[in-house]
Amino acid sequence: MRRLSRKKALNFVKELDAFPKVPESYVETSATGGTVSLVAFTAMALLAFFEFFVYRDTWMKYEYEVDKDFSSKLRINIDITVAMRCQFVGADVLDLAETMVASDGLQYEPVRSISLSPQQRLWHRTLLLVQNRLREEHSLQDVIFKSVMKGGPTALPPREDDPTQPLNACRIHGHLYVNKVAGNFHITVGKAIPHPRGHAHLAALVSHETYNFSHRIDHLSFGEEIPGILNPLDGTEKVCTDHNQMFQYFITIVPTKLETYKVSADTHQYSVTERERVINHAAGSHGVSGIFMKYDVSSLRVLVTEQHMPLWQFLVRLCGIIGGIFSTTGTVMAWQLCFGNLPVRMCIMERRNDLHLNKSVVPQDCAVHGSIHLPSDAVK
């Protein structure tokens, strides 16, 4: 009884077989089928190879949320060279609450001039070229995010000053910690001093003829410094056309959380609008000569996450490639078999009609194909 039940179960399972086996005696190979099979296997190998590279690739996902962190400090990283002597200029920050931020983190380094050596000029031109491409093709920012910490230097090469030239310029570099509110970082004539209504600069002792706010911004960023990240103002260079000239940069800062397979950091992106004008009180153009960077912090936070295709999705896509090519080639061979044997079938049908009408003439089209073996029922 057990053997019978087992045999019935085995027969039932055999009936459910969706992949019936064809005996080899019924299988006929051909050169056409071999060619199609070779093309199919080549296509499978190539598509699977390219699909593997797609699986290895990553992409950046951008999400937005409200920034709830208002108590922390905002770090400003600065590296600016001004074409004036260090004793004639002062840099500080005044926020929206009229609070003057101490600039102890800034260093004033006397340099020969704002001009660059040939090696530095080559680096500067390359940086400007990359900046222009970033403005035109925003998708390149994803490449920069994924390549951070790989060692691509974004700092100016070492300076090569001529010791015979006087120290007529000043490099202001370092960092400041400010409140996460709108503020104004500026470099103008004279050192800053506290004032009951804000602050003031001692500019009375500096001659107007020495005013020259031609400058180069080697680096300006907000938040944690990440090697390999380029900022919109990096490499900006401005030349004065007048002694009394104002340069304004209106900056919108967006807090950014960067999560990649190489780094996890809290940084800030920013966009900037530039404006410059000559101060002429007689013509109604009022203001103070200097470099002014007015910034505001966005209330939204951007989450930038590097993502990767999961393994199961890669396997499903691979199976789709293999199954799709098998189905396509099978359909092609079926149509080829159907239309390839169509003349022979037509000859067979015509021969049957001739035999039925007792005609012994063999059609010429059939004779071209060689002898025709008719089934036994066709001659009855």
Protein backbone atom coordinates (compact mmCIF):
# COMPACT_ATOMS: atom_id res chain seq x y z
CA MET A 1 0.00 0.00 0.00
CA ARG A 2 2.80 2.38 0.87
CA ARG A 3 4.52 1.65 -2.43
CA LEU A 4 1.32 2.31 -4.35
CA SER A 5 0.68 5.58 -2.56
CA ARG A 6 4.29 6.64 -3.12
CA LYS A 7 4.02 5.74 -6.78
CA LYS A 8 0.81 7.75 -7.13
CA ALA A 9 2.42 10.72 -5.45
CA LEU A 10 5.43 10.47 -7.76
CA ASN A 11 3.18 10.28 -10.83
CA PHE A 12 1.22 13.30 -9.60
CA VAL A 13 4.44 15.29 -9.20
CA LYS A 14 5.54 14.25 -12.69
CA GLU A 15 2.27 15.56 -14.11
CA LEU A 16 3.02 18.95 -12.55
CA ASP A 17 6.37 19.19 -14.35
CA ALA A 18 6.40 22.51 -16.26
CA PHE A 19 9.69 21.62 -17.96
CA PRO A 20 9.05 18.46 -19.96
CA LYS A 21 12.12 16.69 -21.33
CA VAL A 22 12.34 16.04 -25.06
CA PRO A 23 14.24 12.89 -26.10
CA GLU A 24 17.44 13.61 -27.96
CA SER A 25 16.26 11.54 -30.94
CA TYR A 26 13.56 14.18 -31.58
CA VAL A 27 15.96 17.12 -31.37
CA GLU A 28 17.53 18.38 -34.61
CA THR A 29 20.41 20.89 -34.59
CA SER A 30 21.13 23.37 -37.37
CA ALA A 31 23.69 26.00 -38.31
CA THR A 32 21.07 28.72 -37.97
CA GLY A 33 20.18 27.62 -34.46
CA GLY A 34 23.84 27.45 -33.49
CA THR A 35 24.44 30.99 -34.79
CA VAL A 36 21.45 32.37 -32.90
CA SER A 37 22.59 30.56 -29.74
CA LEU A 38 26.07 32.02 -30.05
CA VAL A 39 24.66 35.52 -30.47
CA ALA A 40 22.34 34.98 -27.50
CA PHE A 41 25.10 33.80 -25.16
CA THR A 42 27.33 36.69 -26.23
CA ALA A 43 24.54 39.18 -25.54
CA MET A 44 23.92 37.59 -22.13
CA ALA A 45 27.59 37.86 -21.19
CA LEU A 46 27.86 41.50 -22.27
CA LEU A 47 24.64 42.60 -20.57
CA ALA A 48 25.54 40.75 -17.38
CA PHE A 49 28.99 42.39 -17.42
CA PHE A 50 27.51 45.89 -17.80
CA GLU A 51 24.85 45.14 -15.20
CA PHE A 52 27.58 44.30 -12.71
CA PHE A 53 29.04 47.79 -13.15
CA VAL A 54 25.58 49.27 -12.60
CA TYR A 55 25.35 47.23 -9.41
CA ARG A 56 28.72 48.54 -8.22
CA ASP A 57 27.76 52.18 -8.89
CA THR A 58 26.13 54.38 -6.26
CA TRP A 59 23.96 57.47 -6.39
CA MET A 60 23.12 60.34 -4.05
CA LYS A 61 19.67 60.67 -2.54
CA TYR A 62 18.50 64.11 -1.40
CA GLU A 63 15.94 64.56 1.35
CA TYR A 64 14.71 67.70 3.08
CA GLU A 65 13.58 68.36 6.61
CA VAL A 66 13.20 71.28 9.01
CA ASP A 67 16.43 72.15 10.79
CA LYS A 68 15.66 71.94 14.52
CA ASP A 69 19.18 72.71 15.71
CA PHE A 70 19.29 76.41 16.55
CA SER A 71 21.44 76.30 19.68
CA SER A 72 24.71 75.16 18.11
CA LYS A 73 27.32 77.51 16.74
CA LEU A 74 28.08 78.00 13.05
CA ARG A 75 31.70 77.76 12.01
CA ILE A 76 33.01 80.07 9.28
CA ASN A 77 36.24 79.01 7.54
CA ILE A 78 38.05 81.87 5.83
CA ASP A 79 41.14 82.28 3.65
CA ILE A 80 41.17 85.66 1.86
CA THR A 81 44.07 87.73 0.55
CA VAL A 82 43.53 91.52 0.32
CA ALA A 83 45.80 93.95 -1.54
CA MET A 84 46.34 96.16 1.55
CA ARG A 85 48.74 96.00 4.45
CA CYS A 86 47.57 94.13 7.52
CA GLN A 87 47.76 97.20 9.80
CA PHE A 88 45.26 99.01 7.56
CA VAL A 89 42.45 96.42 7.49
CA GLY A 90 40.24 94.68 10.04
CA ALA A 91 37.82 91.75 9.82
CA ASP A 92 34.96 90.86 12.13
CA VAL A 93 31.35 89.62 12.21
CA LEU A 94 28.22 91.45 13.25
CA ASP A 95 25.10 89.28 13.52
CA LEU A 96 21.44 90.21 13.26
CA ALA A 97 21.22 90.94 16.98
CA GLU A 98 23.97 93.58 16.59
CA THR A 99 26.33 91.28 18.48
CA MET A 100 29.97 91.65 17.56
CA VAL A 101 31.71 88.29 17.37
CA ALA A 102 35.29 88.09 18.56
CA SER A 103 37.71 87.51 15.69
CA ASP A 104 40.41 85.84 17.78
CA GLY A 105 40.40 82.82 15.46
CA LEU A 106 41.60 84.90 12.50
CA GLN A 107 45.25 85.39 11.64
CA TYR A 108 46.67 88.33 9.70
CA GLU A 109 49.64 87.17 7.66
CA PRO A 110 51.60 89.79 5.65
CA VAL A 111 52.35 88.63 2.08
CA ARG A 112 54.09 90.24 -0.87
CA SER A 113 51.06 90.65 -3.14
CA ILE A 114 47.86 88.94 -4.24
CA SER A 115 49.48 87.81 -7.49
CA LEU A 116 50.17 84.11 -7.91
CA SER A 117 53.20 82.15 -9.00
CA PRO A 118 53.00 80.13 -12.26
CA GLN A 119 52.24 76.94 -10.34
CA GLN A 120 49.56 78.66 -8.27
CA ARG A 121 48.08 80.34 -11.35
CA LEU A 122 47.75 76.94 -13.06
CA TRP A 123 45.96 75.58 -10.00
CA HIS A 124 43.72 78.67 -9.92
CA ARG A 125 42.73 78.31 -13.58
CA THR A 126 41.89 74.65 -13.06
CA LEU A 127 39.75 75.53 -10.06
CA LEU A 128 37.84 78.20 -12.02
CA LEU A 129 37.27 75.71 -14.84
CA VAL A 130 35.78 73.19 -12.41
CA GLN A 131 33.63 75.91 -10.83
CA ASN A 132 32.22 76.90 -14.24
CA ARG A 133 31.38 73.27 -15.03
CA LEU A 134 29.65 72.91 -11.66
CA ARG A 135 27.45 75.91 -12.45
CA GLU A 136 26.46 74.39 -15.78
CA GLU A 137 26.15 70.73 -14.78
CA HIS A 138 24.74 70.34 -11.28
CA SER A 139 25.00 66.55 -11.47
CA LEU A 140 28.78 66.88 -11.04
CA GLN A 141 28.13 67.75 -7.40
CA ASP A 142 27.21 64.09 -6.82
CA VAL A 143 30.63 63.06 -8.13
CA ILE A 144 32.30 65.47 -5.70
CA PHE A 145 30.25 64.18 -2.78
CA LYS A 146 31.21 60.57 -3.58
CA SER A 147 34.90 61.41 -4.02
CA VAL A 148 35.42 63.29 -0.75
CA MET A 149 38.37 62.26 1.40
CA LYS A 150 40.14 60.75 -1.63
CA GLY A 151 42.98 63.21 -1.38
CA GLY A 152 42.22 65.65 -4.19
CA PRO A 153 43.83 68.84 -2.83
CA THR A 154 41.54 71.86 -2.86
CA ALA A 155 43.97 74.21 -1.09
CA LEU A 156 46.29 76.65 -2.82
CA PRO A 157 49.80 75.24 -3.42
CA PRO A 158 52.61 76.65 -1.21
CA ARG A 159 53.33 80.30 -1.80
CA GLU A 160 56.57 81.31 -3.51
CA ASP A 161 57.10 84.93 -2.53
CA ASP A 162 60.01 87.01 -3.71
CA PRO A 163 61.86 88.19 -0.57
CA THR A 164 62.94 91.39 -2.33
CA GLN A 165 59.36 92.67 -2.69
CA PRO A 166 57.67 94.63 0.13
CA LEU A 167 54.79 93.17 2.17
CA ASN A 168 51.96 95.09 0.51
CA ALA A 169 49.16 92.54 0.95
CA CYS A 170 47.50 90.70 3.81
CA ARG A 171 46.26 87.15 4.02
CA ILE A 172 43.39 86.76 6.49
CA HIS A 173 42.73 83.12 7.34
CA GLY A 174 41.31 81.04 10.16
CA HIS A 175 37.83 80.33 11.49
CA LEU A 176 35.09 81.95 13.57
CA TYR A 177 32.17 80.57 15.57
CA VAL A 178 28.97 82.58 15.24
CA ASN A 179 25.31 82.16 16.18
CA LYS A 180 23.04 80.46 13.63
CA VAL A 181 21.35 83.72 12.68
CA ALA A 182 21.82 86.12 9.82
CA GLY A 183 25.02 88.12 10.01
CA ASN A 184 27.58 90.18 8.19
CA PHE A 185 31.23 89.24 7.89
CA HIS A 186 33.23 92.13 6.51
CA ILE A 187 36.76 93.31 5.86
CA THR A 188 37.16 97.06 5.78
CA VAL A 189 39.59 99.85 6.60
CA GLY A 190 40.85 100.04 10.18
CA LYS A 191 40.73 97.70 13.14
CA ALA A 192 37.36 97.03 14.75
CA ILE A 193 36.58 98.44 18.19
CA PRO A 194 33.51 97.79 20.41
CA HIS A 195 30.78 100.40 20.39
CA PRO A 196 27.56 100.77 22.45
CA ARG A 197 25.49 100.73 19.27
CA GLY A 198 27.43 97.98 17.56
CA HIS A 199 31.01 98.49 16.52
CA ALA A 200 33.26 100.86 14.60
CA HIS A 201 36.50 100.77 12.63
CA LEU A 202 39.45 103.12 13.10
CA ALA A 203 39.63 104.32 9.50
CA ALA A 204 40.41 107.98 10.10
CA LEU A 205 44.18 107.44 10.21
CA VAL A 206 44.29 105.64 6.85
CA SER A 207 44.64 107.67 3.67
CA HIS A 208 42.04 107.16 0.96
CA GLU A 209 44.84 106.80 -1.59
CA THR A 210 45.91 103.54 0.07
CA TYR A 211 42.45 101.97 -0.26
CA ASN A 212 42.68 98.88 -2.45
CA PHE A 213 40.24 96.07 -1.81
CA SER A 214 41.31 93.91 -4.70
CA HIS A 215 41.12 90.43 -3.25
CA ARG A 216 41.19 86.71 -3.90
CA ILE A 217 39.06 84.22 -1.97
CA ASP A 218 41.04 81.01 -1.73
CA HIS A 219 38.51 79.37 0.57
CA LEU A 220 35.20 80.24 2.21
CA SER A 221 33.04 77.55 3.77
CA PHE A 222 30.64 77.03 6.63
CA GLY A 223 30.57 74.16 9.09
CA GLU A 224 32.99 71.27 9.24
CA GLU A 225 35.77 71.36 6.65
CA ILE A 226 35.73 68.29 4.39
CA PRO A 227 38.69 67.64 2.05
CA GLY A 228 37.65 67.45 -1.58
CA ILE A 229 34.55 69.66 -1.33
CA LEU A 230 34.50 72.76 -3.55
CA ASN A 231 32.57 75.85 -2.49
CA PRO A 232 31.02 78.46 -4.80
CA LEU A 233 33.39 81.28 -3.81
CA ASP A 234 36.62 79.25 -3.84
CA GLY A 235 38.98 80.81 -6.36
CA THR A 236 37.03 84.09 -6.73
CA GLU A 237 39.31 86.98 -7.69
CA LYS A 238 38.28 90.67 -7.87
CA VAL A 239 40.30 93.71 -8.95
CA CYS A 240 39.39 97.26 -7.92
CA THR A 241 38.81 99.93 -10.54
CA ASP A 242 38.63 102.69 -7.92
CA HIS A 243 40.03 103.35 -4.45
CA ASN A 244 36.55 103.64 -2.90
CA GLN A 245 34.89 100.42 -3.97
CA MET A 246 32.52 98.04 -2.21
CA PHE A 247 32.25 94.30 -2.87
CA GLN A 248 29.13 92.56 -1.59
CA TYR A 249 28.38 88.84 -1.42
CA PHE A 250 24.85 87.80 -0.44
CA ILE A 251 25.05 84.22 0.84
CA THR A 252 22.27 81.75 1.67
CA ILE A 253 23.52 78.88 3.83
CA VAL A 254 21.80 75.48 3.81
CA PRO A 255 22.68 73.02 6.61
CA THR A 256 23.66 69.68 5.08
CA LYS A 257 24.09 66.22 6.55
CA LEU A 258 26.43 64.18 4.35
CA GLU A 259 26.33 60.39 4.66
CA THR A 260 28.54 58.43 2.27
CA TYR A 261 30.44 55.15 2.47
CA LYS A 262 33.60 57.14 3.21
CA VAL A 263 32.54 60.01 5.44
CA SER A 264 29.74 61.16 7.71
CA ALA A 265 29.75 64.87 8.47
CA ASP A 266 27.58 67.88 9.27
CA THR A 267 28.50 70.61 6.84
CA HIS A 268 26.82 73.49 5.02
CA GLN A 269 26.25 74.30 1.37
CA TYR A 270 25.58 77.82 0.19
CA SER A 271 24.56 79.85 -2.82
CA VAL A 272 25.85 83.35 -3.47
CA THR A 273 24.95 86.51 -5.37
CA GLU A 274 27.68 89.06 -6.08
CA ARG A 275 27.55 92.82 -6.40
CA GLU A 276 30.19 95.52 -6.61
CA ARG A 277 29.97 99.29 -6.92
CA VAL A 278 32.06 102.43 -6.53
CA ILE A 279 31.37 104.60 -3.47
CA ASN A 280 30.58 108.13 -4.63
CA HIS A 281 28.61 110.20 -2.14
CA ALA A 282 28.19 113.05 -4.63
CA ALA A 283 26.46 110.71 -7.08
CA GLY A 284 24.27 109.16 -4.37
CA SER A 285 26.22 105.90 -4.09
CA HIS A 286 26.70 105.72 -0.34
CA GLY A 287 28.42 103.09 1.73
CA VAL A 288 31.78 102.00 3.09
CA SER A 289 34.66 100.66 1.05
CA GLY A 290 35.46 97.03 1.79
CA ILE A 291 34.41 93.41 1.36
CA PHE A 292 31.02 92.51 2.84
CA MET A 293 29.61 88.99 3.08
CA LYS A 294 26.02 89.05 4.26
CA TYR A 295 24.83 85.55 5.09
CA ASP A 296 21.53 84.03 6.17
CA VAL A 297 20.85 80.49 7.39
CA SER A 298 18.04 78.48 5.82
CA SER A 299 15.46 76.81 8.04
CA LEU A 300 15.57 73.65 5.91
CA ARG A 301 18.18 70.92 6.24
CA VAL A 302 19.36 68.72 3.38
CA LEU A 303 20.17 65.05 3.96
CA VAL A 304 22.54 63.73 1.30
CA THR A 305 22.85 59.93 1.44
CA GLU A 306 24.87 57.66 -0.81
CA GLN A 307 22.80 54.63 -1.83
CA HIS A 308 23.62 51.32 -3.45
CA MET A 309 21.56 48.79 -5.41
CA PRO A 310 20.62 45.86 -3.13
CA LEU A 311 21.85 42.38 -4.02
CA TRP A 312 18.39 40.93 -4.53
CA GLN A 313 17.55 43.61 -7.08
CA PHE A 314 20.76 42.88 -8.97
CA LEU A 315 19.88 39.14 -9.07
CA VAL A 316 16.34 39.89 -10.28
CA ARG A 317 17.66 42.13 -13.05
CA LEU A 318 20.20 39.46 -14.01
CA CYS A 319 17.48 36.81 -14.23
CA GLY A 320 15.39 39.20 -16.31
CA ILE A 321 18.26 39.64 -18.77
CA ILE A 322 18.86 35.90 -19.16
CA GLY A 323 15.17 34.98 -19.35
CA GLY A 324 14.37 37.80 -21.76
CA ILE A 325 17.13 36.80 -24.19
CA PHE A 326 16.07 33.13 -24.04
CA SER A 327 12.45 34.05 -24.76
CA THR A 328 13.40 36.40 -27.59
CA THR A 329 15.70 33.92 -29.30
CA GLY A 330 13.12 31.16 -28.89
CA THR A 331 10.48 33.34 -30.57
CA VAL A 332 12.90 34.22 -33.39
CA MET A 333 13.70 30.53 -34.01
CA ALA A 334 10.01 29.60 -33.95
CA TRP A 335 9.17 32.23 -36.59
CA GLN A 336 12.19 31.19 -38.64
CA LEU A 337 11.07 27.56 -38.53
CA CYS A 338 7.52 28.51 -39.44
CA PHE A 339 8.33 30.75 -42.39
CA GLY A 340 11.40 28.72 -43.46
CA ASN A 341 9.31 25.58 -44.08
CA LEU A 342 6.45 27.45 -45.74
CA PRO A 343 7.55 26.74 -49.39
CA VAL A 344 7.92 23.03 -48.65
CA ARG A 345 4.46 22.88 -47.10
CA MET A 346 2.97 24.69 -50.06
CA CYS A 347 4.62 22.18 -52.40
CA ILE A 348 3.22 19.30 -50.38
CA MET A 349 -0.28 20.75 -50.56
CA GLU A 350 0.07 21.32 -54.32
CA ARG A 351 1.31 17.74 -54.81
CA ARG A 352 -1.65 16.38 -52.93
CA ASN A 353 -4.00 18.36 -55.15
CA ASP A 354 -2.25 17.03 -58.27
CA LEU A 355 -2.53 13.44 -57.09
CA HIS A 356 -6.14 14.00 -56.24
CA LEU A 357 -6.76 15.18 -59.83
CA ASN A 358 -4.68 12.24 -61.24
CA LYS A 359 -1.96 14.55 -62.51
CA SER A 360 1.57 13.32 -62.65
CA VAL A 361 3.32 16.60 -63.28
CA VAL A 362 5.61 17.67 -60.49
CA PRO A 363 5.77 21.46 -59.95
CA GLN A 364 9.11 23.02 -60.80
CA ASP A 365 9.24 24.93 -57.49
CA CYS A 366 9.08 21.67 -55.57
CA ALA A 367 11.74 20.07 -57.72
CA VAL A 368 14.19 22.75 -56.67
CA HIS A 369 13.96 21.62 -53.08
CA GLY A 370 14.83 18.02 -53.95
CA SER A 371 12.74 14.94 -53.36
CA ILE A 372 9.58 15.23 -51.34
CA HIS A 373 8.58 12.39 -49.08
CA LEU A 374 4.85 12.37 -48.79
CA PRO A 375 3.06 10.60 -46.01
CA SER A 376 1.22 7.39 -46.86
CA ASP A 377 -2.18 8.99 -46.54
CA ALA A 378 -1.34 11.52 -49.28
CA VAL A 379 -1.36 8.86 -52.07
CA LYS A 380 -4.64 7.33 -51.18
